[in-house]
N, C-alpha and C. Protein backbone atom coordinates (compact mmCIF):
# COMPACT_ATOMS: atom_id res chain seq x y z
N MET A 1 89.95 118.68 119.24
CA MET A 1 89.29 118.23 120.48
C MET A 1 89.59 119.25 121.60
N ARG A 2 88.59 119.40 122.33
CA ARG A 2 88.80 120.36 123.44
C ARG A 2 89.20 119.60 124.65
N LYS A 3 90.42 120.02 125.38
CA LYS A 3 90.77 119.47 126.53
C LYS A 3 89.82 119.75 127.79
N HIS A 4 89.80 118.77 128.53
CA HIS A 4 88.92 119.04 129.79
C HIS A 4 89.69 119.97 130.73
N GLN A 5 89.07 120.63 131.69
CA GLN A 5 89.69 121.67 132.38
C GLN A 5 90.80 121.19 133.24
N SER A 6 90.80 120.02 133.89
CA SER A 6 91.88 119.62 134.74
C SER A 6 93.00 119.13 134.03
N GLN A 7 93.07 118.98 132.72
CA GLN A 7 94.10 118.47 132.00
C GLN A 7 95.42 119.49 131.91
N THR A 8 96.51 119.01 132.08
CA THR A 8 97.78 119.78 132.14
C THR A 8 98.36 119.81 130.72
N ARG A 9 99.26 120.65 130.62
CA ARG A 9 99.98 120.77 129.28
C ARG A 9 100.72 119.45 128.87
N SER A 10 101.17 118.65 129.85
CA SER A 10 101.89 117.45 129.59
C SER A 10 100.88 116.26 129.36
N GLY A 11 99.62 116.42 129.41
CA GLY A 11 98.86 115.43 129.09
C GLY A 11 97.61 115.22 130.02
N CYS A 12 97.08 114.06 130.28
CA CYS A 12 95.91 113.81 131.06
C CYS A 12 96.21 114.05 132.48
N ALA A 13 95.24 114.63 133.18
CA ALA A 13 95.43 114.83 134.72
C ALA A 13 95.43 113.55 135.37
N SER A 14 94.86 112.55 134.80
CA SER A 14 94.77 111.25 135.52
C SER A 14 96.08 110.54 135.17
N SER A 15 96.58 109.80 136.32
CA SER A 15 97.86 109.17 136.26
C SER A 15 97.69 107.96 135.15
N ARG A 16 96.53 107.50 135.00
CA ARG A 16 96.37 106.28 134.24
C ARG A 16 96.09 106.81 132.70
N GLY A 17 95.84 108.00 132.55
CA GLY A 17 95.67 108.47 131.15
C GLY A 17 94.28 108.02 130.60
N ASP A 18 93.26 107.69 131.51
CA ASP A 18 91.98 107.23 131.12
C ASP A 18 91.03 108.26 131.17
N CYS A 19 91.30 109.54 130.87
CA CYS A 19 90.08 110.50 130.81
C CYS A 19 89.31 110.39 129.60
N ALA A 20 88.26 111.09 129.44
CA ALA A 20 87.35 110.99 128.36
C ALA A 20 88.03 111.45 127.10
N TYR A 21 88.95 112.44 127.35
CA TYR A 21 89.73 113.02 126.16
C TYR A 21 90.46 111.79 125.46
N HIS A 22 91.09 111.05 126.21
CA HIS A 22 91.88 110.03 125.58
C HIS A 22 90.95 108.92 125.07
N HIS A 23 89.92 108.63 125.76
CA HIS A 23 88.97 107.57 125.25
C HIS A 23 88.34 108.14 123.91
N GLN A 24 88.13 109.33 123.72
CA GLN A 24 87.62 109.80 122.56
C GLN A 24 88.57 109.77 121.38
N ALA A 25 89.90 109.97 121.86
CA ALA A 25 90.96 110.05 120.67
C ALA A 25 91.14 108.58 120.29
N GLY A 26 91.02 107.70 121.18
CA GLY A 26 91.16 106.21 120.88
C GLY A 26 90.05 105.69 119.98
N SER A 27 88.89 106.16 120.19
CA SER A 27 87.66 105.78 119.41
C SER A 27 87.75 106.45 118.02
N SER A 28 88.27 107.62 117.92
CA SER A 28 88.29 108.30 116.65
C SER A 28 89.45 107.55 115.72
N SER A 29 90.62 106.94 116.46
CA SER A 29 91.59 106.41 115.76
C SER A 29 90.89 105.03 115.30
N ALA A 30 90.09 104.36 116.08
CA ALA A 30 89.43 103.22 115.51
C ALA A 30 88.58 103.37 114.45
N ALA A 31 87.79 104.52 114.53
CA ALA A 31 86.93 104.96 113.44
C ALA A 31 87.67 105.20 112.16
N GLY A 32 88.90 105.81 112.28
CA GLY A 32 89.82 106.03 111.14
C GLY A 32 90.17 104.86 110.49
N GLU A 33 90.47 103.80 111.26
CA GLU A 33 90.86 102.54 110.72
C GLU A 33 89.67 101.79 110.04
N VAL A 34 88.58 101.91 110.48
CA VAL A 34 87.44 101.33 109.96
C VAL A 34 87.17 102.08 108.51
N GLY A 35 87.25 103.40 108.55
CA GLY A 35 87.14 104.21 107.42
C GLY A 35 88.13 103.86 106.24
N ARG A 36 89.38 103.62 106.76
CA ARG A 36 90.43 103.14 105.73
C ARG A 36 90.08 101.76 105.27
N ARG A 37 89.66 100.95 105.97
CA ARG A 37 89.29 99.52 105.47
C ARG A 37 88.12 99.64 104.52
N SER A 38 87.11 100.40 104.85
CA SER A 38 85.98 100.57 103.93
C SER A 38 86.46 101.22 102.68
N GLN A 39 87.30 102.15 102.76
CA GLN A 39 87.80 102.84 101.53
C GLN A 39 88.55 101.84 100.57
N SER A 40 89.40 101.00 101.27
CA SER A 40 90.06 100.00 100.55
C SER A 40 89.11 98.92 99.92
N LEU A 41 88.00 98.60 100.57
CA LEU A 41 87.09 97.71 100.10
C LEU A 41 86.42 98.20 98.82
N ILE A 42 86.05 99.58 98.89
CA ILE A 42 85.47 100.30 97.80
C ILE A 42 86.43 100.19 96.63
N LEU A 43 87.68 100.55 96.74
CA LEU A 43 88.67 100.41 95.74
C LEU A 43 88.85 99.11 95.05
N VAL A 44 88.87 98.04 95.92
CA VAL A 44 89.11 96.71 95.49
C VAL A 44 87.79 96.37 94.62
N GLU A 45 86.65 96.69 95.15
CA GLU A 45 85.36 96.35 94.23
C GLU A 45 85.43 97.07 92.97
N LYS A 46 85.95 98.34 92.99
CA LYS A 46 85.95 99.11 91.70
C LYS A 46 86.98 98.53 90.83
N MET A 47 88.08 98.17 91.31
CA MET A 47 89.09 97.56 90.45
C MET A 47 88.68 96.29 89.76
N ILE A 48 87.98 95.54 90.54
CA ILE A 48 87.37 94.10 90.00
C ILE A 48 86.39 94.44 88.99
N ALA A 49 85.55 95.34 89.20
CA ALA A 49 84.48 95.71 88.29
C ALA A 49 85.12 96.25 86.95
N ASP A 50 86.01 97.10 87.17
CA ASP A 50 86.62 97.69 85.86
C ASP A 50 87.43 96.64 85.18
N ALA A 51 88.22 95.73 85.82
CA ALA A 51 88.98 94.63 85.13
C ALA A 51 87.86 93.61 84.42
N GLU A 52 86.84 93.37 85.30
CA GLU A 52 85.83 92.41 84.62
C GLU A 52 85.22 93.07 83.36
N ARG A 53 84.84 94.30 83.43
CA ARG A 53 84.32 95.06 82.33
C ARG A 53 85.19 94.95 81.06
N GLN A 54 86.60 95.23 81.26
CA GLN A 54 87.53 95.11 80.23
C GLN A 54 87.67 93.73 79.64
N TYR A 55 87.63 92.65 80.64
CA TYR A 55 87.78 91.39 80.24
C TYR A 55 86.62 90.86 79.40
N GLN A 56 85.42 91.25 79.83
CA GLN A 56 84.12 90.87 78.94
C GLN A 56 84.24 91.51 77.58
N GLN A 57 84.72 92.81 77.50
CA GLN A 57 84.80 93.44 76.28
C GLN A 57 85.83 92.76 75.39
N GLY A 58 86.75 92.24 75.99
CA GLY A 58 87.84 91.53 75.25
C GLY A 58 87.31 90.27 74.67
N GLN A 59 86.46 89.60 75.54
CA GLN A 59 85.77 88.27 75.10
C GLN A 59 84.92 88.53 73.92
N SER A 60 83.97 89.67 73.93
CA SER A 60 83.22 90.07 72.86
C SER A 60 83.96 90.41 71.59
N ASP A 61 85.01 91.12 71.74
CA ASP A 61 85.86 91.56 70.52
C ASP A 61 86.44 90.16 70.00
N TYR A 62 86.96 89.32 70.77
CA TYR A 62 87.66 88.12 70.30
C TYR A 62 86.50 87.24 69.53
N GLN A 63 85.38 87.02 70.05
CA GLN A 63 84.26 86.28 69.43
C GLN A 63 83.93 86.90 68.15
N ALA A 64 84.04 88.25 68.03
CA ALA A 64 83.60 88.95 66.73
C ALA A 64 84.70 89.00 65.94
N GLY A 65 85.92 88.50 66.20
CA GLY A 65 86.95 88.31 65.25
C GLY A 65 87.84 89.69 65.31
N HIS A 66 87.70 90.47 66.29
CA HIS A 66 88.51 91.77 66.35
C HIS A 66 89.65 91.40 67.37
N LEU A 67 90.72 90.80 66.83
CA LEU A 67 91.78 90.14 67.71
C LEU A 67 92.53 91.39 68.27
N GLU A 68 92.88 92.50 67.47
CA GLU A 68 93.78 93.48 67.98
C GLU A 68 93.00 94.28 69.17
N ALA A 69 91.78 94.43 68.91
CA ALA A 69 90.79 95.12 69.99
C ALA A 69 90.82 94.29 71.28
N ALA A 70 90.65 92.93 70.94
CA ALA A 70 90.53 91.88 72.21
C ALA A 70 91.74 91.97 72.91
N LYS A 71 92.93 91.86 72.11
CA LYS A 71 94.30 92.00 72.91
C LYS A 71 94.32 93.22 73.83
N ALA A 72 93.89 94.42 73.18
CA ALA A 72 94.09 95.71 74.02
C ALA A 72 93.13 95.62 75.19
N ASP A 73 91.93 95.03 74.97
CA ASP A 73 90.97 94.91 76.16
C ASP A 73 91.60 94.08 77.31
N PHE A 74 92.07 92.89 76.91
CA PHE A 74 92.72 92.02 77.83
C PHE A 74 93.86 92.54 78.66
N ASP A 75 94.78 93.33 77.77
CA ASP A 75 95.77 94.07 78.33
C ASP A 75 95.38 95.11 79.31
N GLN A 76 94.31 95.83 79.06
CA GLN A 76 93.73 96.74 79.81
C GLN A 76 93.30 96.21 81.24
N ALA A 77 92.57 95.06 81.14
CA ALA A 77 92.08 94.40 82.33
C ALA A 77 93.23 94.02 83.21
N VAL A 78 94.27 93.51 82.70
CA VAL A 78 95.43 93.14 83.61
C VAL A 78 96.06 94.43 84.11
N SER A 79 96.10 95.59 83.30
CA SER A 79 96.66 96.83 83.83
C SER A 79 95.87 97.39 84.95
N VAL A 80 94.52 97.27 84.78
CA VAL A 80 93.62 97.86 85.97
C VAL A 80 94.05 97.10 87.24
N LEU A 81 94.34 95.88 87.25
CA LEU A 81 94.67 95.09 88.43
C LEU A 81 96.08 95.47 88.90
N MET A 82 97.09 95.40 87.95
CA MET A 82 98.49 95.73 88.33
C MET A 82 98.77 97.05 88.66
N GLN A 83 98.12 98.13 88.18
CA GLN A 83 98.46 99.48 88.39
C GLN A 83 97.43 100.19 89.22
N GLY A 84 96.59 99.38 89.81
CA GLY A 84 95.57 99.98 90.76
C GLY A 84 96.06 100.57 91.98
N PRO A 85 95.20 101.18 92.74
CA PRO A 85 95.65 101.70 94.06
C PRO A 85 95.87 100.67 95.21
N VAL A 86 95.35 99.51 94.93
CA VAL A 86 95.40 98.33 95.94
C VAL A 86 96.30 97.39 95.37
N ASP A 87 97.38 96.91 96.08
CA ASP A 87 98.34 95.84 95.62
C ASP A 87 97.46 94.57 95.60
N ILE A 88 97.51 93.91 94.32
CA ILE A 88 96.73 92.62 94.15
C ILE A 88 97.13 91.63 95.09
N HIS A 89 98.27 91.55 95.74
CA HIS A 89 98.75 90.61 96.61
C HIS A 89 98.20 90.72 97.97
N SER A 90 97.65 91.98 98.19
CA SER A 90 97.17 92.19 99.60
C SER A 90 95.66 91.93 99.71
N ASP A 91 95.08 91.47 98.69
CA ASP A 91 93.53 91.19 98.75
C ASP A 91 93.20 89.85 97.95
N GLU A 92 92.74 88.92 98.58
CA GLU A 92 92.44 87.62 97.91
C GLU A 92 91.56 87.76 96.74
N ARG A 93 90.61 88.59 96.75
CA ARG A 93 89.66 88.83 95.61
C ARG A 93 90.37 89.41 94.42
N LEU A 94 91.36 90.15 94.71
CA LEU A 94 92.02 90.90 93.61
C LEU A 94 92.97 89.77 93.03
N GLN A 95 93.59 88.93 93.82
CA GLN A 95 94.57 87.88 93.33
C GLN A 95 93.75 86.88 92.45
N ARG A 96 92.51 86.52 92.95
CA ARG A 96 91.68 85.61 92.14
C ARG A 96 91.28 86.14 90.77
N GLU A 97 90.95 87.42 90.79
CA GLU A 97 90.64 88.15 89.63
C GLU A 97 91.83 88.10 88.58
N PHE A 98 93.09 88.46 89.16
CA PHE A 98 94.25 88.46 88.32
C PHE A 98 94.51 87.01 87.79
N ASP A 99 94.41 85.96 88.54
CA ASP A 99 94.68 84.76 88.17
C ASP A 99 93.76 84.24 87.08
N ARG A 100 92.48 84.85 87.12
CA ARG A 100 91.55 84.50 86.10
C ARG A 100 91.76 85.17 84.82
N SER A 101 92.41 86.28 84.76
CA SER A 101 92.60 87.10 83.53
C SER A 101 93.54 86.42 82.64
């Protein structure tokens, strides 16, 4: 970011620190938080979709009598949730998906 001309080395020229430079920094901080939340939502949705896909494959394998394959699929569904980039306890949707598995 470019400092405005009256800004000193120690910070904002305004005694309140309410110059446009600081307002912009605050808004980019808020935008960063929104971006992190959006990224987390995308990760959660991907984890749920991956776990659901593995679970459904396990159901198909079980119904077809492929018990070893079904077990591996169910294990993989749980692993997707337990080892994913988002803690299952931090998101209600992940917790519900885990409880369902």
